PDB file of N, CA and C in Angstrom:
ATOM      1  N   MET A   1     -29.577 -10.343  11.838  1.00  0.00           N
ATOM      2  CA  MET A   1     -28.717  -9.564  12.702  1.00  0.00           C
ATOM      3  C   MET A   1     -27.863  -8.632  11.842  1.00  0.00           C
ATOM      4  N   ILE A   2     -27.807  -7.404  12.240  1.00  0.00           N
ATOM      5  CA  ILE A   2     -27.034  -6.420  11.506  1.00  0.00           C
ATOM      6  C   ILE A   2     -25.595  -6.459  12.000  1.00  0.00           C
ATOM      7  N   GLY A   3     -24.675  -6.596  11.049  1.00  0.00           N
ATOM      8  CA  GLY A   3     -23.254  -6.661  11.393  1.00  0.00           C
ATOM      9  C   GLY A   3     -22.710  -5.279  11.725  1.00  0.00           C
ATOM     10  N   ARG A   4     -21.688  -5.260  12.513  1.00  0.00           N
ATOM     11  CA  ARG A   4     -21.027  -4.014  12.881  1.00  0.00           C
ATOM     12  C   ARG A   4     -20.014  -3.648  11.801  1.00  0.00           C
ATOM     13  N   ALA A   5     -20.001  -2.393  11.420  1.00  0.00           N
ATOM     14  CA  ALA A   5     -19.050  -1.936  10.408  1.00  0.00           C
ATOM     15  C   ALA A   5     -17.634  -2.010  10.968  1.00  0.00           C
ATOM     16  N   PRO A   6     -16.685  -2.402  10.146  1.00  0.00           N
ATOM     17  CA  PRO A   6     -15.298  -2.458  10.629  1.00  0.00           C
ATOM     18  C   PRO A   6     -14.804  -1.065  11.012  1.00  0.00           C
ATOM     19  N   GLU A   7     -13.928  -1.030  11.989  1.00  0.00           N
ATOM     20  CA  GLU A   7     -13.354   0.232  12.436  1.00  0.00           C
ATOM     21  C   GLU A   7     -12.334   0.737  11.423  1.00  0.00           C
ATOM     22  N   VAL A   8     -12.324   2.024  11.228  1.00  0.00           N
ATOM     23  CA  VAL A   8     -11.340   2.641  10.350  1.00  0.00           C
ATOM     24  C   VAL A   8      -9.978   2.626  11.037  1.00  0.00           C
ATOM     25  N   PHE A   9      -9.998   2.830  12.352  1.00  0.00           N
ATOM     26  CA  PHE A   9      -8.767   2.908  13.140  1.00  0.00           C
ATOM     27  C   PHE A   9      -9.012   2.161  14.448  1.00  0.00           C
ATOM     28  N   ASP A  10      -8.193   1.171  14.725  1.00  0.00           N
ATOM     29  CA  ASP A  10      -8.322   0.385  15.947  1.00  0.00           C
ATOM     30  C   ASP A  10      -7.418   0.996  17.007  1.00  0.00           C
ATOM     31  N   ARG A  11      -7.989   1.871  17.806  1.00  0.00           N
ATOM     32  CA  ARG A  11      -7.208   2.612  18.804  1.00  0.00           C
ATOM     33  C   ARG A  11      -6.553   1.679  19.823  1.00  0.00           C
ATOM     34  N   ALA A  12      -7.284   0.654  20.265  1.00  0.00           N
ATOM     35  CA  ALA A  12      -6.727  -0.270  21.270  1.00  0.00           C
ATOM     36  C   ALA A  12      -5.510  -1.006  20.708  1.00  0.00           C
ATOM     37  N   ALA A  13      -5.597  -1.458  19.461  1.00  0.00           N
ATOM     38  CA  ALA A  13      -4.460  -2.149  18.844  1.00  0.00           C
ATOM     39  C   ALA A  13      -3.284  -1.193  18.665  1.00  0.00           C
ATOM     40  N   PHE A  14      -3.575   0.048  18.282  1.00  0.00           N
ATOM     41  CA  PHE A  14      -2.521   1.032  18.112  1.00  0.00           C
ATOM     42  C   PHE A  14      -1.832   1.325  19.446  1.00  0.00           C
ATOM     43  N   ASP A  15      -2.620   1.447  20.498  1.00  0.00           N
ATOM     44  CA  ASP A  15      -2.038   1.686  21.826  1.00  0.00           C
ATOM     45  C   ASP A  15      -1.139   0.523  22.252  1.00  0.00           C
ATOM     46  N   ARG A  16      -1.542  -0.686  21.911  1.00  0.00           N
ATOM     47  CA  ARG A  16      -0.678  -1.840  22.200  1.00  0.00           C
ATOM     48  C   ARG A  16       0.607  -1.761  21.383  1.00  0.00           C
ATOM     49  N   GLN A  17       0.469  -1.345  20.148  1.00  0.00           N
ATOM     50  CA  GLN A  17       1.615  -1.225  19.238  1.00  0.00           C
ATOM     51  C   GLN A  17       2.638  -0.218  19.774  1.00  0.00           C
ATOM     52  N   THR A  18       2.155   0.863  20.381  1.00  0.00           N
ATOM     53  CA  THR A  18       3.042   1.917  20.880  1.00  0.00           C
ATOM     54  C   THR A  18       3.359   1.750  22.363  1.00  0.00           C
ATOM     55  N   GLY A  19       2.880   0.680  22.942  1.00  0.00           N
ATOM     56  CA  GLY A  19       3.112   0.466  24.373  1.00  0.00           C
ATOM     57  C   GLY A  19       2.400   1.490  25.238  1.00  0.00           C
ATOM     58  N   GLY A  20       1.362   2.109  24.704  1.00  0.00           N
ATOM     59  CA  GLY A  20       0.609   3.106  25.453  1.00  0.00           C
ATOM     60  C   GLY A  20       1.308   4.448  25.582  1.00  0.00           C
ATOM     61  N   ASP A  21       2.408   4.625  24.873  1.00  0.00           N
ATOM     62  CA  ASP A  21       3.170   5.877  24.919  1.00  0.00           C
ATOM     63  C   ASP A  21       2.441   6.925  24.068  1.00  0.00           C
ATOM     64  N   ALA A  22       1.747   7.848  24.736  1.00  0.00           N
ATOM     65  CA  ALA A  22       0.931   8.838  24.032  1.00  0.00           C
ATOM     66  C   ALA A  22       1.765   9.733  23.119  1.00  0.00           C
ATOM     67  N   ALA A  23       2.948  10.139  23.576  1.00  0.00           N
ATOM     68  CA  ALA A  23       3.805  11.006  22.746  1.00  0.00           C
ATOM     69  C   ALA A  23       4.247  10.277  21.483  1.00  0.00           C
ATOM     70  N   LEU A  24       4.635   9.022  21.638  1.00  0.00           N
ATOM     71  CA  LEU A  24       5.020   8.220  20.478  1.00  0.00           C
ATOM     72  C   LEU A  24       3.835   8.056  19.540  1.00  0.00           C
ATOM     73  N   GLY A  25       2.662   7.799  20.095  1.00  0.00           N
ATOM     74  CA  GLY A  25       1.459   7.659  19.287  1.00  0.00           C
ATOM     75  C   GLY A  25       1.165   8.904  18.476  1.00  0.00           C
ATOM     76  N   ARG A  26       1.259  10.071  19.119  1.00  0.00           N
ATOM     77  CA  ARG A  26       1.020  11.337  18.406  1.00  0.00           C
ATOM     78  C   ARG A  26       2.046  11.530  17.281  1.00  0.00           C
ATOM     79  N   GLU A  27       3.290  11.167  17.562  1.00  0.00           N
ATOM     80  CA  GLU A  27       4.347  11.320  16.550  1.00  0.00           C
ATOM     81  C   GLU A  27       4.073  10.409  15.343  1.00  0.00           C
ATOM     82  N   ILE A  28       3.694   9.173  15.599  1.00  0.00           N
ATOM     83  CA  ILE A  28       3.405   8.234  14.513  1.00  0.00           C
ATOM     84  C   ILE A  28       2.199   8.704  13.712  1.00  0.00           C
ATOM     85  N   VAL A  29       1.158   9.155  14.408  1.00  0.00           N
ATOM     86  CA  VAL A  29      -0.027   9.657  13.716  1.00  0.00           C
ATOM     87  C   VAL A  29       0.346  10.857  12.853  1.00  0.00           C
ATOM     88  N   GLN A  30       1.140  11.781  13.385  1.00  0.00           N
ATOM     89  CA  GLN A  30       1.546  12.963  12.622  1.00  0.00           C
ATOM     90  C   GLN A  30       2.338  12.561  11.376  1.00  0.00           C
ATOM     91  N   MET A  31       3.238  11.610  11.522  1.00  0.00           N
ATOM     92  CA  MET A  31       4.006  11.137  10.362  1.00  0.00           C
ATOM     93  C   MET A  31       3.076  10.541   9.310  1.00  0.00           C
ATOM     94  N   PHE A  32       2.089   9.768   9.745  1.00  0.00           N
ATOM     95  CA  PHE A  32       1.142   9.176   8.804  1.00  0.00           C
ATOM     96  C   PHE A  32       0.325  10.263   8.114  1.00  0.00           C
ATOM     97  N   LEU A  33      -0.138  11.244   8.887  1.00  0.00           N
ATOM     98  CA  LEU A  33      -0.927  12.337   8.304  1.00  0.00           C
ATOM     99  C   LEU A  33      -0.139  13.073   7.230  1.00  0.00           C
ATOM    100  N   GLU A  34       1.159  13.214   7.418  1.00  0.00           N
ATOM    101  CA  GLU A  34       2.008  13.891   6.440  1.00  0.00           C
ATOM    102  C   GLU A  34       2.332  13.000   5.241  1.00  0.00           C
ATOM    103  N   ASP A  35       2.529  11.704   5.482  1.00  0.00           N
ATOM    104  CA  ASP A  35       2.980  10.782   4.448  1.00  0.00           C
ATOM    105  C   ASP A  35       1.851  10.211   3.587  1.00  0.00           C
ATOM    106  N   CYS A  36       0.708   9.966   4.183  1.00  0.00           N
ATOM    107  CA  CYS A  36      -0.376   9.272   3.483  1.00  0.00           C
ATOM    108  C   CYS A  36      -0.802   9.957   2.178  1.00  0.00           C
ATOM    109  N   PRO A  37      -1.048  11.269   2.176  1.00  0.00           N
ATOM    110  CA  PRO A  37      -1.447  11.899   0.910  1.00  0.00           C
ATOM    111  C   PRO A  37      -0.395  11.732  -0.194  1.00  0.00           C
ATOM    112  N   THR A  38       0.879  11.741   0.183  1.00  0.00           N
ATOM    113  CA  THR A  38       1.944  11.524  -0.801  1.00  0.00           C
ATOM    114  C   THR A  38       1.846  10.127  -1.381  1.00  0.00           C
ATOM    115  N   ARG A  39       1.658   9.123  -0.518  1.00  0.00           N
ATOM    116  CA  ARG A  39       1.562   7.734  -0.992  1.00  0.00           C
ATOM    117  C   ARG A  39       0.348   7.550  -1.899  1.00  0.00           C
ATOM    118  N   VAL A  40      -0.786   8.110  -1.515  1.00  0.00           N
ATOM    119  CA  VAL A  40      -1.984   7.982  -2.358  1.00  0.00           C
ATOM    120  C   VAL A  40      -1.755   8.686  -3.691  1.00  0.00           C
ATOM    121  N   GLY A  41      -1.085   9.830  -3.669  1.00  0.00           N
ATOM    122  CA  GLY A  41      -0.749  10.528  -4.905  1.00  0.00           C
ATOM    123  C   GLY A  41       0.164   9.699  -5.795  1.00  0.00           C
ATOM    124  N   GLU A  42       1.132   9.003  -5.179  1.00  0.00           N
ATOM    125  CA  GLU A  42       2.032   8.125  -5.941  1.00  0.00           C
ATOM    126  C   GLU A  42       1.248   6.963  -6.564  1.00  0.00           C
ATOM    127  N   ILE A  43       0.289   6.429  -5.818  1.00  0.00           N
ATOM    128  CA  ILE A  43      -0.551   5.347  -6.353  1.00  0.00           C
ATOM    129  C   ILE A  43      -1.333   5.849  -7.553  1.00  0.00           C
ATOM    130  N   ARG A  44      -1.958   7.012  -7.386  1.00  0.00           N
ATOM    131  CA  ARG A  44      -2.760   7.598  -8.470  1.00  0.00           C
ATOM    132  C   ARG A  44      -1.888   7.874  -9.704  1.00  0.00           C
ATOM    133  N   ALA A  45      -0.704   8.440  -9.491  1.00  0.00           N
ATOM    134  CA  ALA A  45       0.199   8.750 -10.610  1.00  0.00           C
ATOM    135  C   ALA A  45       0.676   7.478 -11.304  1.00  0.00           C
ATOM    136  N   ALA A  46       0.980   6.445 -10.521  1.00  0.00           N
ATOM    137  CA  ALA A  46       1.425   5.177 -11.112  1.00  0.00           C
ATOM    138  C   ALA A  46       0.329   4.581 -11.993  1.00  0.00           C
ATOM    139  N   LEU A  47      -0.904   4.644 -11.516  1.00  0.00           N
ATOM    140  CA  LEU A  47      -2.010   4.130 -12.327  1.00  0.00           C
ATOM    141  C   LEU A  47      -2.183   4.954 -13.593  1.00  0.00           C
ATOM    142  N   ALA A  48      -2.066   6.262 -13.483  1.00  0.00           N
ATOM    143  CA  ALA A  48      -2.220   7.130 -14.656  1.00  0.00           C
ATOM    144  C   ALA A  48      -1.147   6.845 -15.704  1.00  0.00           C
ATOM    145  N   ARG A  49       0.060   6.504 -15.234  1.00  0.00           N
ATOM    146  CA  ARG A  49       1.171   6.198 -16.153  1.00  0.00           C
ATOM    147  C   ARG A  49       1.161   4.744 -16.611  1.00  0.00           C
ATOM    148  N   GLY A  50       0.373   3.918 -15.951  1.00  0.00           N
ATOM    149  CA  GLY A  50       0.401   2.494 -16.265  1.00  0.00           C
ATOM    150  C   GLY A  50       1.665   1.825 -15.758  1.00  0.00           C
ATOM    151  N   ASP A  51       2.202   2.321 -14.647  1.00  0.00           N
ATOM    152  CA  ASP A  51       3.475   1.862 -14.091  1.00  0.00           C
ATOM    153  C   ASP A  51       3.222   0.892 -12.929  1.00  0.00           C
ATOM    154  N   ALA A  52       3.220  -0.398 -13.249  1.00  0.00           N
ATOM    155  CA  ALA A  52       2.927  -1.423 -12.242  1.00  0.00           C
ATOM    156  C   ALA A  52       3.961  -1.435 -11.122  1.00  0.00           C
ATOM    157  N   ALA A  53       5.240  -1.267 -11.453  1.00  0.00           N
ATOM    158  CA  ALA A  53       6.292  -1.297 -10.431  1.00  0.00           C
ATOM    159  C   ALA A  53       6.111  -0.160  -9.420  1.00  0.00           C
ATOM    160  N   ALA A  54       5.798   1.034  -9.921  1.00  0.00           N
ATOM    161  CA  ALA A  54       5.582   2.174  -9.026  1.00  0.00           C
ATOM    162  C   ALA A  54       4.325   1.969  -8.190  1.00  0.00           C
ATOM    163  N   LEU A  55       3.289   1.379  -8.783  1.00  0.00           N
ATOM    164  CA  LEU A  55       2.066   1.078  -8.030  1.00  0.00           C
ATOM    165  C   LEU A  55       2.379   0.109  -6.901  1.00  0.00           C
ATOM    166  N   ILE A  56       3.106  -0.933  -7.202  1.00  0.00           N
ATOM    167  CA  ILE A  56       3.458  -1.938  -6.188  1.00  0.00           C
ATOM    168  C   ILE A  56       4.217  -1.270  -5.038  1.00  0.00           C
ATOM    169  N   ALA A  57       5.204  -0.451  -5.366  1.00  0.00           N
ATOM    170  CA  ALA A  57       6.030   0.186  -4.335  1.00  0.00           C
ATOM    171  C   ALA A  57       5.210   1.135  -3.462  1.00  0.00           C
ATOM    172  N   ALA A  58       4.398   1.981  -4.082  1.00  0.00           N
ATOM    173  CA  ALA A  58       3.614   2.950  -3.314  1.00  0.00           C
ATOM    174  C   ALA A  58       2.536   2.264  -2.482  1.00  0.00           C
ATOM    175  N   ALA A  59       1.865   1.286  -3.071  1.00  0.00           N
ATOM    176  CA  ALA A  59       0.825   0.573  -2.332  1.00  0.00           C
ATOM    177  C   ALA A  59       1.423  -0.226  -1.176  1.00  0.00           C
ATOM    178  N   HIS A  60       2.591  -0.814  -1.393  1.00  0.00           N
ATOM    179  CA  HIS A  60       3.262  -1.578  -0.342  1.00  0.00           C
ATOM    180  C   HIS A  60       3.652  -0.658   0.825  1.00  0.00           C
ATOM    181  N   ALA A  61       4.174   0.509   0.502  1.00  0.00           N
ATOM    182  CA  ALA A  61       4.563   1.463   1.548  1.00  0.00           C
ATOM    183  C   ALA A  61       3.348   1.908   2.355  1.00  0.00           C
ATOM    184  N   LEU A  62       2.248   2.209   1.680  1.00  0.00           N
ATOM    185  CA  LEU A  62       1.031   2.620   2.377  1.00  0.00           C
ATOM    186  C   LEU A  62       0.480   1.470   3.210  1.00  0.00           C
ATOM    187  N   LYS A  63       0.529   0.276   2.663  1.00  0.00           N
ATOM    188  CA  LYS A  63       0.059  -0.910   3.383  1.00  0.00           C
ATOM    189  C   LYS A  63       0.820  -1.083   4.697  1.00  0.00           C
ATOM    190  N   GLY A  64       2.128  -0.931   4.656  1.00  0.00           N
ATOM    191  CA  GLY A  64       2.938  -1.070   5.861  1.00  0.00           C
ATOM    192  C   GLY A  64       2.628  -0.006   6.895  1.00  0.00           C
ATOM    193  N   SER A  65       2.503   1.229   6.453  1.00  0.00           N
ATOM    194  CA  SER A  65       2.178   2.322   7.375  1.00  0.00           C
ATOM    195  C   SER A  65       0.809   2.114   8.008  1.00  0.00           C
ATOM    196  N   ALA A  66      -0.143   1.711   7.198  1.00  0.00           N
ATOM    197  CA  ALA A  66      -1.500   1.495   7.712  1.00  0.00           C
ATOM    198  C   ALA A  66      -1.535   0.322   8.684  1.00  0.00           C
ATOM    199  N   ALA A  67      -0.758  -0.707   8.414  1.00  0.00           N
ATOM    200  CA  ALA A  67      -0.707  -1.853   9.321  1.00  0.00           C
ATOM    201  C   ALA A  67      -0.138  -1.444  10.672  1.00  0.00           C
ATOM    202  N   TYR A  68       0.933  -0.671  10.655  1.00  0.00           N
ATOM    203  CA  TYR A  68       1.532  -0.227  11.915  1.00  0.00           C
ATOM    204  C   TYR A  68       0.576   0.674  12.683  1.00  0.00           C
ATOM    205  N   LEU A  69      -0.244   1.404  11.947  1.00  0.00           N
ATOM    206  CA  LEU A  69      -1.198   2.322  12.552  1.00  0.00           C
ATOM    207  C   LEU A  69      -2.477   1.598  12.996  1.00  0.00           C
ATOM    208  N   SER A  70      -2.580   0.327  12.706  1.00  0.00           N
ATOM    209  CA  SER A  70      -3.776  -0.465  13.030  1.00  0.00           C
ATOM    210  C   SER A  70      -4.996   0.049  12.271  1.00  0.00           C
ATOM    211  N   ALA A  71      -4.783   0.380  11.014  1.00  0.00           N
ATOM    212  CA  ALA A  71      -5.845   0.844  10.119  1.00  0.00           C
ATOM    213  C   ALA A  71      -6.061  -0.235   9.062  1.00  0.00           C
ATOM    214  N   SER A  72      -6.726  -1.306   9.461  1.00  0.00           N
ATOM    215  CA  SER A  72      -6.805  -2.496   8.617  1.00  0.00           C
ATOM    216  C   SER A  72      -7.587  -2.282   7.320  1.00  0.00           C
ATOM    217  N   ILE A  73      -8.550  -1.381   7.316  1.00  0.00           N
ATOM    218  CA  ILE A  73      -9.314  -1.159   6.081  1.00  0.00           C
ATOM    219  C   ILE A  73      -8.419  -0.528   5.015  1.00  0.00           C
ATOM    220  N   VAL A  74      -7.667   0.494   5.398  1.00  0.00           N
ATOM    221  CA  VAL A  74      -6.735   1.122   4.451  1.00  0.00           C
ATOM    222  C   VAL A  74      -5.676   0.111   4.036  1.00  0.00           C
ATOM    223  N   ARG A  75      -5.160  -0.652   5.002  1.00  0.00           N
ATOM    224  CA  ARG A  75      -4.165  -1.677   4.692  1.00  0.00           C
ATOM    225  C   ARG A  75      -4.710  -2.662   3.670  1.00  0.00           C
ATOM    226  N   GLY A  76      -5.946  -3.080   3.844  1.00  0.00           N
ATOM    227  CA  GLY A  76      -6.549  -4.035   2.918  1.00  0.00           C
ATOM    228  C   GLY A  76      -6.699  -3.492   1.507  1.00  0.00           C
ATOM    229  N   HIS A  77      -7.125  -2.234   1.391  1.00  0.00           N
ATOM    230  CA  HIS A  77      -7.276  -1.640   0.056  1.00  0.00           C
ATOM    231  C   HIS A  77      -5.911  -1.422  -0.603  1.00  0.00           C
ATOM    232  N   ALA A  78      -4.914  -1.046   0.192  1.00  0.00           N
ATOM    233  CA  ALA A  78      -3.565  -0.905  -0.354  1.00  0.00           C
ATOM    234  C   ALA A  78      -3.039  -2.261  -0.817  1.00  0.00           C
ATOM    235  N   ALA A  79      -3.325  -3.305  -0.050  1.00  0.00           N
ATOM    236  CA  ALA A  79      -2.901  -4.657  -0.440  1.00  0.00           C
ATOM    237  C   ALA A  79      -3.574  -5.079  -1.748  1.00  0.00           C
ATOM    238  N   ASP A  80      -4.848  -4.714  -1.911  1.00  0.00           N
ATOM    239  CA  ASP A  80      -5.546  -5.026  -3.165  1.00  0.00           C
ATOM    240  C   ASP A  80      -4.851  -4.355  -4.349  1.00  0.00           C
ATOM    241  N   LEU A  81      -4.490  -3.084  -4.175  1.00  0.00           N
ATOM    242  CA  LEU A  81      -3.809  -2.368  -5.254  1.00  0.00           C
ATOM    243  C   LEU A  81      -2.425  -2.947  -5.517  1.00  0.00           C
ATOM    244  N   GLU A  82      -1.730  -3.323  -4.465  1.00  0.00           N
ATOM    245  CA  GLU A  82      -0.417  -3.949  -4.638  1.00  0.00           C
ATOM    246  C   GLU A  82      -0.556  -5.249  -5.439  1.00  0.00           C
ATOM    247  N   ARG A  83      -1.561  -6.047  -5.106  1.00  0.00           N
ATOM    248  CA  ARG A  83      -1.797  -7.310  -5.808  1.00  0.00           C
ATOM    249  C   ARG A  83      -2.128  -7.054  -7.279  1.00  0.00           C
ATOM    250  N   LEU A  84      -2.979  -6.062  -7.537  1.00  0.00           N
ATOM    251  CA  LEU A  84      -3.321  -5.746  -8.922  1.00  0.00           C
ATOM    252  C   LEU A  84      -2.075  -5.318  -9.702  1.00  0.00           C
ATOM    253  N   GLY A  85      -1.171  -4.599  -9.055  1.00  0.00           N
ATOM    254  CA  GLY A  85       0.090  -4.234  -9.701  1.00  0.00           C
ATOM    255  C   GLY A  85       0.929  -5.454 -10.013  1.00  0.00           C
ATOM    256  N   ARG A  86       1.031  -6.373  -9.050  1.00  0.00           N
ATOM    257  CA  ARG A  86       1.821  -7.605  -9.261  1.00  0.00           C
ATOM    258  C   ARG A  86       1.230  -8.460 -10.379  1.00  0.00           C
ATOM    259  N   GLU A  87      -0.093  -8.417 -10.502  1.00  0.00           N
ATOM    260  CA  GLU A  87      -0.771  -9.195 -11.543  1.00  0.00           C
ATOM    261  C   GLU A  87      -0.881  -8.423 -12.861  1.00  0.00           C
ATOM    262  N   ALA A  88      -0.311  -7.217 -12.896  1.00  0.00           N
ATOM    263  CA  ALA A  88      -0.364  -6.346 -14.080  1.00  0.00           C
ATOM    264  C   ALA A  88      -1.797  -6.122 -14.545  1.00  0.00           C
ATOM    265  N   ARG A  89      -2.693  -5.914 -13.583  1.00  0.00           N
ATOM    266  CA  ARG A  89      -4.117  -5.683 -13.879  1.00  0.00           C
ATOM    267  C   ARG A  89      -4.482  -4.244 -13.525  1.00  0.00           C
ATOM    268  N   LEU A  90      -3.722  -3.303 -14.043  1.00  0.00           N
ATOM    269  CA  LEU A  90      -3.934  -1.898 -13.708  1.00  0.00           C
ATOM    270  C   LEU A  90      -5.288  -1.389 -14.184  1.00  0.00           C
ATOM    271  N   GLY A  91      -5.784  -1.956 -15.250  1.00  0.00           N
ATOM    272  CA  GLY A  91      -7.100  -1.568 -15.748  1.00  0.00           C
ATOM    273  C   GLY A  91      -8.231  -1.923 -14.795  1.00  0.00           C
ATOM    274  N   ASP A  92      -7.966  -2.825 -13.865  1.00  0.00           N
ATOM    275  CA  ASP A  92      -8.974  -3.241 -12.887  1.00  0.00           C
ATOM    276  C   ASP A  92      -8.866  -2.464 -11.573  1.00  0.00           C
ATOM    277  N   ALA A  93      -8.020  -1.455 -11.540  1.00  0.00           N
ATOM    278  CA  ALA A  93      -7.700  -0.798 -10.268  1.00  0.00           C
ATOM    279  C   ALA A  93      -8.597   0.388  -9.911  1.00  0.00           C
ATOM    280  N   ALA A  94      -9.440   0.844 -10.817  1.00  0.00           N
ATOM    281  CA  ALA A  94     -10.244   2.047 -10.539  1.00  0.00           C
ATOM    282  C   ALA A  94     -11.128   1.868  -9.304  1.00  0.00           C
ATOM    283  N   ASP A  95     -11.809   0.737  -9.210  1.00  0.00           N
ATOM    284  CA  ASP A  95     -12.683   0.493  -8.054  1.00  0.00           C
ATOM    285  C   ASP A  95     -11.869   0.397  -6.768  1.00  0.00           C
ATOM    286  N   ALA A  96     -10.725  -0.278  -6.836  1.00  0.00           N
ATOM    287  CA  ALA A  96      -9.866  -0.404  -5.654  1.00  0.00           C
ATOM    288  C   ALA A  96      -9.355   0.967  -5.216  1.00  0.00           C
ATOM    289  N   LEU A  97      -9.037   1.834  -6.170  1.00  0.00           N
ATOM    290  CA  LEU A  97      -8.575   3.184  -5.843  1.00  0.00           C
ATOM    291  C   LEU A  97      -9.706   3.994  -5.205  1.00  0.00           C
ATOM    292  N   ASP A  98     -10.917   3.872  -5.734  1.00  0.00           N
ATOM    293  CA  ASP A  98     -12.064   4.564  -5.129  1.00  0.00           C
ATOM    294  C   ASP A  98     -12.272   4.117  -3.685  1.00  0.00           C
ATOM    295  N   GLN A  99     -12.171   2.819  -3.455  1.00  0.00           N
ATOM    296  CA  GLN A  99     -12.341   2.289  -2.105  1.00  0.00           C
ATOM    297  C   GLN A  99     -11.223   2.777  -1.185  1.00  0.00           C
ATOM    298  N   LEU A 100      -9.998   2.806  -1.692  1.00  0.00           N
ATOM    299  CA  LEU A 100      -8.877   3.319  -0.909  1.00  0.00           C
ATOM    300  C   LEU A 100      -9.107   4.791  -0.570  1.00  0.00           C
ATOM    301  N   ASP A 101      -9.509   5.579  -1.551  1.00  0.00           N
ATOM    302  CA  ASP A 101      -9.752   7.009  -1.311  1.00  0.00           C
ATOM    303  C   ASP A 101     -10.771   7.222  -0.191  1.00  0.00           C
ATOM    304  N   ALA A 102     -11.860   6.475  -0.225  1.00  0.00           N
ATOM    305  CA  ALA A 102     -12.901   6.618   0.800  1.00  0.00           C
ATOM    306  C   ALA A 102     -12.379   6.218   2.173  1.00  0.00           C
ATOM    307  N   ALA A 103     -11.643   5.121   2.235  1.00  0.00           N
ATOM    308  CA  ALA A 103     -11.104   4.652   3.509  1.00  0.00           C
ATOM    309  C   ALA A 103     -10.064   5.625   4.054  1.00  0.00           C
ATOM    310  N   VAL A 104      -9.210   6.143   3.184  1.00  0.00           N
ATOM    311  CA  VAL A 104      -8.183   7.097   3.608  1.00  0.00           C
ATOM    312  C   VAL A 104      -8.846   8.379   4.123  1.00  0.00           C
ATOM    313  N   ALA A 105      -9.862   8.865   3.429  1.00  0.00           N
ATOM    314  CA  ALA A 105     -10.551  10.087   3.868  1.00  0.00           C
ATOM    315  C   ALA A 105     -11.121   9.902   5.274  1.00  0.00           C
ATOM    316  N   ALA A 106     -11.767   8.769   5.508  1.00  0.00           N
ATOM    317  CA  ALA A 106     -12.334   8.496   6.836  1.00  0.00           C
ATOM    318  C   ALA A 106     -11.236   8.378   7.885  1.00  0.00           C
ATOM    319  N   LEU A 107     -10.149   7.705   7.541  1.00  0.00           N
ATOM    320  CA  LEU A 107      -9.048   7.540   8.482  1.00  0.00           C
ATOM    321  C   LEU A 107      -8.390   8.880   8.808  1.00  0.00           C
ATOM    322  N   LEU A 108      -8.141   9.699   7.809  1.00  0.00           N
ATOM    323  CA  LEU A 108      -7.500  10.985   8.061  1.00  0.00           C
ATOM    324  C   LEU A 108      -8.365  11.874   8.942  1.00  0.00           C
ATOM    325  N   LEU A 109      -9.672  11.832   8.754  1.00  0.00           N
ATOM    326  CA  LEU A 109     -10.578  12.598   9.624  1.00  0.00           C
ATOM    327  C   LEU A 109     -10.455  12.116  11.071  1.00  0.00           C
ATOM    328  N   GLU A 110     -10.472  10.817  11.255  1.00  0.00           N
ATOM    329  CA  GLU A 110     -10.392  10.260  12.595  1.00  0.00           C
ATOM    330  C   GLU A 110      -9.044  10.577  13.246  1.00  0.00           C
ATOM    331  N   LEU A 111      -7.968  10.418  12.496  1.00  0.00           N
ATOM    332  CA  LEU A 111      -6.644  10.684  13.053  1.00  0.00           C
ATOM    333  C   LEU A 111      -6.449  12.161  13.374  1.00  0.00           C
ATOM    334  N   THR A 112      -6.974  13.025  12.532  1.00  0.00           N
ATOM    335  CA  THR A 112      -6.880  14.467  12.782  1.00  0.00           C
ATOM    336  C   THR A 112      -7.615  14.814  14.072  1.00  0.00           C
ATOM    337  N   ALA A 113      -8.774  14.206  14.280  1.00  0.00           N
ATOM    338  CA  ALA A 113      -9.521  14.443  15.514  1.00  0.00           C
ATOM    339  C   ALA A 113      -8.750  13.934  16.731  1.00  0.00           C
ATOM    340  N   ILE A 114      -8.111  12.802  16.584  1.00  0.00           N
ATOM    341  CA  ILE A 114      -7.348  12.222  17.694  1.00  0.00           C
ATOM    342  C   ILE A 114      -6.120  13.059  18.003  1.00  0.00           C
ATOM    343  N   ASN A 115      -5.437  13.508  16.951  1.00  0.00           N
ATOM    344  CA  ASN A 115      -4.179  14.238  17.132  1.00  0.00           C
ATOM    345  C   ASN A 115      -4.402  15.712  17.433  1.00  0.00           C
ATOM    346  N   GLY A 116      -5.663  16.162  17.206  1.00  0.00           N
ATOM    347  CA  GLY A 116      -6.079  17.522  17.500  1.00  0.00           C
ATOM    348  C   GLY A 116      -5.036  18.502  17.437  1.00  0.00           C
TER     349      GLY A 116
END
């Protein structure tokens, strides 16, 4: 049996999170669209500098935003990077960053389509 790929964005969960308020949903999505590239840039810069504390902070912030947005794949990859920062395993983060980049790209495409 072929498994179903996980959703990049769980619209039903997000609607529950916002109480079905479409205006609130659009506002939250817009804030995420504006903030996410900054957070990913902070993660990338922290890794380039070898700054575990900055990696932890940026990954934690992205993880929280993604969780509120019901974007569990992005949340999971951000959590992986946060954990690697806490474990001071920055050298092991390249694959996790690649996975985060791919998940974020897919999520931003979906959110842009939704927020039109």
